[in-house]
Amino acid sequence: MDCRIVFDLETGCIDDAELTAFRVPDPICRGFESLGPALAGRDAYRLSRKDLVGILGGPCGCFHLTDLATDLFALVRGLKEVDRT
């Protein structure tokens, strides 16, 4: 699984998101690639796990993807805290 996002470092606004599966661990994990664009326009610094679950398929979605995205956005929030001066 691969999750790629393009966002503005100052505002956190997501410009583009792409979700790709090379292999999936479970049949329920198929078909999520089309959900990437639903992240566009959202604030990468404020997305919670609950937000991500809702965007990425809800209770019927792939928890592997949700875990991957949650970890990715935790790293993104860390970028905001880094002093860029």
N, C-alpha and C. Protein backbone atom coordinates (compact mmCIF):
# COMPACT_ATOMS: atom_id res chain seq x y z
N MET A 1 0.84 -1.17 0.00
CA MET A 1 0.00 0.00 0.00
C MET A 1 0.89 1.23 0.00
N ASP A 2 0.42 2.25 -0.67
CA ASP A 2 1.17 3.49 -0.77
C ASP A 2 0.18 4.64 -0.63
N CYS A 3 0.56 5.63 0.15
CA CYS A 3 -0.28 6.81 0.35
C CYS A 3 0.60 8.03 0.10
N ARG A 4 0.29 8.80 -0.94
CA ARG A 4 1.07 9.97 -1.29
C ARG A 4 0.17 11.19 -1.22
N ILE A 5 0.65 12.23 -0.53
CA ILE A 5 -0.14 13.46 -0.47
C ILE A 5 0.75 14.65 -0.85
N VAL A 6 0.12 15.64 -1.44
CA VAL A 6 0.77 16.90 -1.76
C VAL A 6 -0.02 17.96 -1.00
N PHE A 7 0.70 18.72 -0.16
CA PHE A 7 0.01 19.73 0.64
C PHE A 7 0.90 20.94 0.86
N ASP A 8 0.28 22.05 1.22
CA ASP A 8 0.97 23.30 1.50
C ASP A 8 1.53 23.24 2.92
N LEU A 9 2.83 23.42 3.06
CA LEU A 9 3.47 23.33 4.38
C LEU A 9 2.99 24.43 5.33
N GLU A 10 2.64 25.59 4.80
CA GLU A 10 2.20 26.69 5.67
C GLU A 10 0.77 26.50 6.15
N THR A 11 -0.14 26.17 5.25
CA THR A 11 -1.56 26.10 5.60
C THR A 11 -2.02 24.69 5.94
N GLY A 12 -1.31 23.68 5.44
CA GLY A 12 -1.73 22.30 5.63
C GLY A 12 -2.77 21.83 4.64
N CYS A 13 -3.18 22.72 3.73
CA CYS A 13 -4.23 22.36 2.75
C CYS A 13 -3.71 21.29 1.78
N ILE A 14 -4.45 20.19 1.69
CA ILE A 14 -4.07 19.09 0.81
C ILE A 14 -4.48 19.43 -0.61
N ASP A 15 -3.51 19.42 -1.52
CA ASP A 15 -3.77 19.71 -2.93
C ASP A 15 -4.12 18.44 -3.70
N ASP A 16 -3.47 17.34 -3.35
CA ASP A 16 -3.67 16.10 -4.09
C ASP A 16 -3.34 14.92 -3.17
N ALA A 17 -4.02 13.82 -3.38
CA ALA A 17 -3.73 12.60 -2.63
C ALA A 17 -3.92 11.40 -3.54
N GLU A 18 -3.02 10.45 -3.42
CA GLU A 18 -3.08 9.25 -4.25
C GLU A 18 -2.88 8.02 -3.37
N LEU A 19 -3.77 7.08 -3.49
CA LEU A 19 -3.69 5.83 -2.73
C LEU A 19 -3.50 4.69 -3.73
N THR A 20 -2.53 3.84 -3.46
CA THR A 20 -2.21 2.75 -4.38
C THR A 20 -2.00 1.47 -3.60
N ALA A 21 -2.46 0.37 -4.17
CA ALA A 21 -2.24 -0.94 -3.55
C ALA A 21 -1.44 -1.81 -4.51
N PHE A 22 -0.30 -2.28 -4.04
CA PHE A 22 0.50 -3.23 -4.82
C PHE A 22 0.00 -4.64 -4.52
N ARG A 23 -0.25 -4.87 -3.26
CA ARG A 23 -0.88 -6.11 -2.77
C ARG A 23 -1.76 -5.70 -1.61
N VAL A 24 -2.80 -6.45 -1.37
CA VAL A 24 -3.67 -6.14 -0.24
C VAL A 24 -3.75 -7.36 0.67
N PRO A 25 -3.78 -7.12 1.99
CA PRO A 25 -3.78 -8.24 2.93
C PRO A 25 -5.14 -8.91 3.09
N ASP A 26 -6.21 -8.24 2.65
CA ASP A 26 -7.55 -8.77 2.87
C ASP A 26 -8.45 -8.29 1.73
N PRO A 27 -9.43 -9.07 1.30
CA PRO A 27 -10.31 -8.64 0.21
C PRO A 27 -11.03 -7.31 0.48
N ILE A 28 -11.31 -6.98 1.74
CA ILE A 28 -11.99 -5.72 2.04
C ILE A 28 -11.10 -4.51 1.72
N CYS A 29 -9.81 -4.76 1.57
CA CYS A 29 -8.85 -3.69 1.30
C CYS A 29 -8.81 -3.28 -0.17
N ARG A 30 -9.54 -3.96 -1.01
CA ARG A 30 -9.55 -3.63 -2.45
C ARG A 30 -10.47 -2.44 -2.72
N GLY A 31 -10.12 -1.69 -3.75
CA GLY A 31 -11.01 -0.64 -4.23
C GLY A 31 -10.91 0.69 -3.52
N PHE A 32 -9.93 0.90 -2.66
CA PHE A 32 -9.84 2.17 -1.95
C PHE A 32 -9.11 3.25 -2.74
N GLU A 33 -8.48 2.90 -3.86
CA GLU A 33 -7.69 3.86 -4.62
C GLU A 33 -8.49 5.10 -5.01
N SER A 34 -9.77 4.95 -5.23
CA SER A 34 -10.62 6.08 -5.64
C SER A 34 -10.90 7.06 -4.51
N LEU A 35 -10.52 6.73 -3.28
CA LEU A 35 -10.82 7.58 -2.14
C LEU A 35 -9.80 8.70 -1.93
N GLY A 36 -8.65 8.64 -2.58
CA GLY A 36 -7.61 9.65 -2.42
C GLY A 36 -8.09 11.07 -2.65
N PRO A 37 -8.80 11.34 -3.75
CA PRO A 37 -9.27 12.70 -4.01
C PRO A 37 -10.18 13.27 -2.91
N ALA A 38 -10.79 12.43 -2.10
CA ALA A 38 -11.64 12.92 -1.02
C ALA A 38 -10.83 13.65 0.06
N LEU A 39 -9.51 13.48 0.06
CA LEU A 39 -8.66 14.18 1.01
C LEU A 39 -8.32 15.60 0.55
N ALA A 40 -8.47 15.87 -0.75
CA ALA A 40 -8.13 17.18 -1.31
C ALA A 40 -8.98 18.27 -0.66
N GLY A 41 -8.32 19.38 -0.35
CA GLY A 41 -9.00 20.52 0.25
C GLY A 41 -9.06 20.48 1.77
N ARG A 42 -8.72 19.37 2.35
CA ARG A 42 -8.76 19.23 3.81
C ARG A 42 -7.45 19.71 4.42
N ASP A 43 -7.49 20.01 5.71
CA ASP A 43 -6.32 20.49 6.43
C ASP A 43 -5.54 19.28 6.97
N ALA A 44 -4.38 19.04 6.41
CA ALA A 44 -3.56 17.89 6.80
C ALA A 44 -3.13 17.96 8.26
N TYR A 45 -3.05 19.16 8.82
CA TYR A 45 -2.62 19.32 10.20
C TYR A 45 -3.73 19.03 11.20
N ARG A 46 -4.97 19.00 10.74
CA ARG A 46 -6.10 18.82 11.65
C ARG A 46 -6.87 17.51 11.47
N LEU A 47 -6.49 16.70 10.51
CA LEU A 47 -7.20 15.44 10.28
C LEU A 47 -6.97 14.47 11.44
N SER A 48 -8.05 14.02 12.04
CA SER A 48 -7.96 13.05 13.13
C SER A 48 -8.14 11.64 12.59
N ARG A 49 -7.88 10.66 13.41
CA ARG A 49 -8.12 9.28 13.02
C ARG A 49 -9.60 9.08 12.67
N LYS A 50 -10.48 9.68 13.46
CA LYS A 50 -11.92 9.58 13.19
C LYS A 50 -12.26 10.16 11.82
N ASP A 51 -11.67 11.31 11.48
CA ASP A 51 -11.86 11.90 10.16
C ASP A 51 -11.41 10.94 9.07
N LEU A 52 -10.22 10.38 9.25
CA LEU A 52 -9.65 9.47 8.24
C LEU A 52 -10.50 8.22 8.06
N VAL A 53 -11.00 7.67 9.15
CA VAL A 53 -11.86 6.48 9.06
C VAL A 53 -13.09 6.82 8.21
N GLY A 54 -13.69 7.97 8.47
CA GLY A 54 -14.87 8.38 7.70
C GLY A 54 -14.58 8.57 6.23
N ILE A 55 -13.45 9.20 5.93
CA ILE A 55 -13.06 9.47 4.54
C ILE A 55 -12.67 8.20 3.81
N LEU A 56 -12.00 7.29 4.52
CA LEU A 56 -11.43 6.11 3.88
C LEU A 56 -12.29 4.85 4.00
N GLY A 57 -13.58 5.03 4.06
CA GLY A 57 -14.47 3.87 3.96
C GLY A 57 -15.29 3.54 5.18
N GLY A 58 -15.11 4.27 6.27
CA GLY A 58 -15.92 4.00 7.46
C GLY A 58 -15.63 2.64 8.05
N PRO A 59 -16.59 2.07 8.77
CA PRO A 59 -16.37 0.79 9.44
C PRO A 59 -16.18 -0.38 8.45
N CYS A 60 -16.57 -0.17 7.20
CA CYS A 60 -16.41 -1.22 6.19
C CYS A 60 -15.12 -1.04 5.38
N GLY A 61 -14.32 -0.03 5.76
CA GLY A 61 -13.09 0.24 5.04
C GLY A 61 -11.93 -0.61 5.51
N CYS A 62 -10.80 -0.39 4.90
CA CYS A 62 -9.57 -1.15 5.20
C CYS A 62 -8.85 -0.53 6.39
N PHE A 63 -8.75 -1.28 7.48
CA PHE A 63 -8.07 -0.73 8.66
C PHE A 63 -6.57 -0.62 8.43
N HIS A 64 -6.02 -1.40 7.50
CA HIS A 64 -4.59 -1.28 7.18
C HIS A 64 -4.32 0.11 6.59
N LEU A 65 -5.19 0.53 5.66
CA LEU A 65 -5.04 1.85 5.05
C LEU A 65 -5.26 2.94 6.10
N THR A 66 -6.24 2.78 6.95
CA THR A 66 -6.50 3.77 8.00
C THR A 66 -5.29 3.90 8.91
N ASP A 67 -4.68 2.79 9.29
CA ASP A 67 -3.47 2.84 10.12
C ASP A 67 -2.32 3.53 9.40
N LEU A 68 -2.14 3.21 8.12
CA LEU A 68 -1.09 3.84 7.33
C LEU A 68 -1.32 5.35 7.24
N ALA A 69 -2.54 5.75 6.94
CA ALA A 69 -2.87 7.17 6.81
C ALA A 69 -2.73 7.89 8.15
N THR A 70 -3.14 7.25 9.23
CA THR A 70 -3.01 7.86 10.57
C THR A 70 -1.55 8.12 10.89
N ASP A 71 -0.69 7.15 10.60
CA ASP A 71 0.75 7.33 10.84
C ASP A 71 1.32 8.42 9.94
N LEU A 72 0.89 8.45 8.68
CA LEU A 72 1.38 9.46 7.75
C LEU A 72 1.01 10.86 8.23
N PHE A 73 -0.24 11.05 8.65
CA PHE A 73 -0.66 12.38 9.08
C PHE A 73 -0.07 12.76 10.43
N ALA A 74 0.32 11.81 11.24
CA ALA A 74 1.05 12.12 12.47
C ALA A 74 2.43 12.71 12.09
N LEU A 75 3.07 12.15 11.08
CA LEU A 75 4.33 12.69 10.59
C LEU A 75 4.13 14.09 10.01
N VAL A 76 3.05 14.28 9.28
CA VAL A 76 2.74 15.58 8.69
C VAL A 76 2.57 16.63 9.79
N ARG A 77 1.84 16.28 10.86
CA ARG A 77 1.67 17.22 11.97
C ARG A 77 3.03 17.55 12.60
N GLY A 78 3.93 16.60 12.62
CA GLY A 78 5.28 16.85 13.13
C GLY A 78 6.04 17.86 12.29
N LEU A 79 5.77 17.90 10.98
CA LEU A 79 6.41 18.89 10.11
C LEU A 79 6.02 20.30 10.49
N LYS A 80 4.78 20.48 10.90
CA LYS A 80 4.30 21.79 11.28
C LYS A 80 5.07 22.31 12.50
N GLU A 81 5.45 21.40 13.38
CA GLU A 81 6.11 21.78 14.62
C GLU A 81 7.60 22.06 14.43
N VAL A 82 8.16 21.64 13.30
CA VAL A 82 9.58 21.85 13.04
C VAL A 82 9.83 23.32 12.73
N ASP A 83 10.83 23.89 13.37
CA ASP A 83 11.19 25.29 13.12
C ASP A 83 11.88 25.36 11.76
N ARG A 84 11.29 26.05 10.81
CA ARG A 84 11.84 26.13 9.45
C ARG A 84 12.66 27.39 9.22
N THR A 85 13.15 28.02 10.27
CA THR A 85 13.94 29.25 10.10
C THR A 85 15.41 28.96 9.98
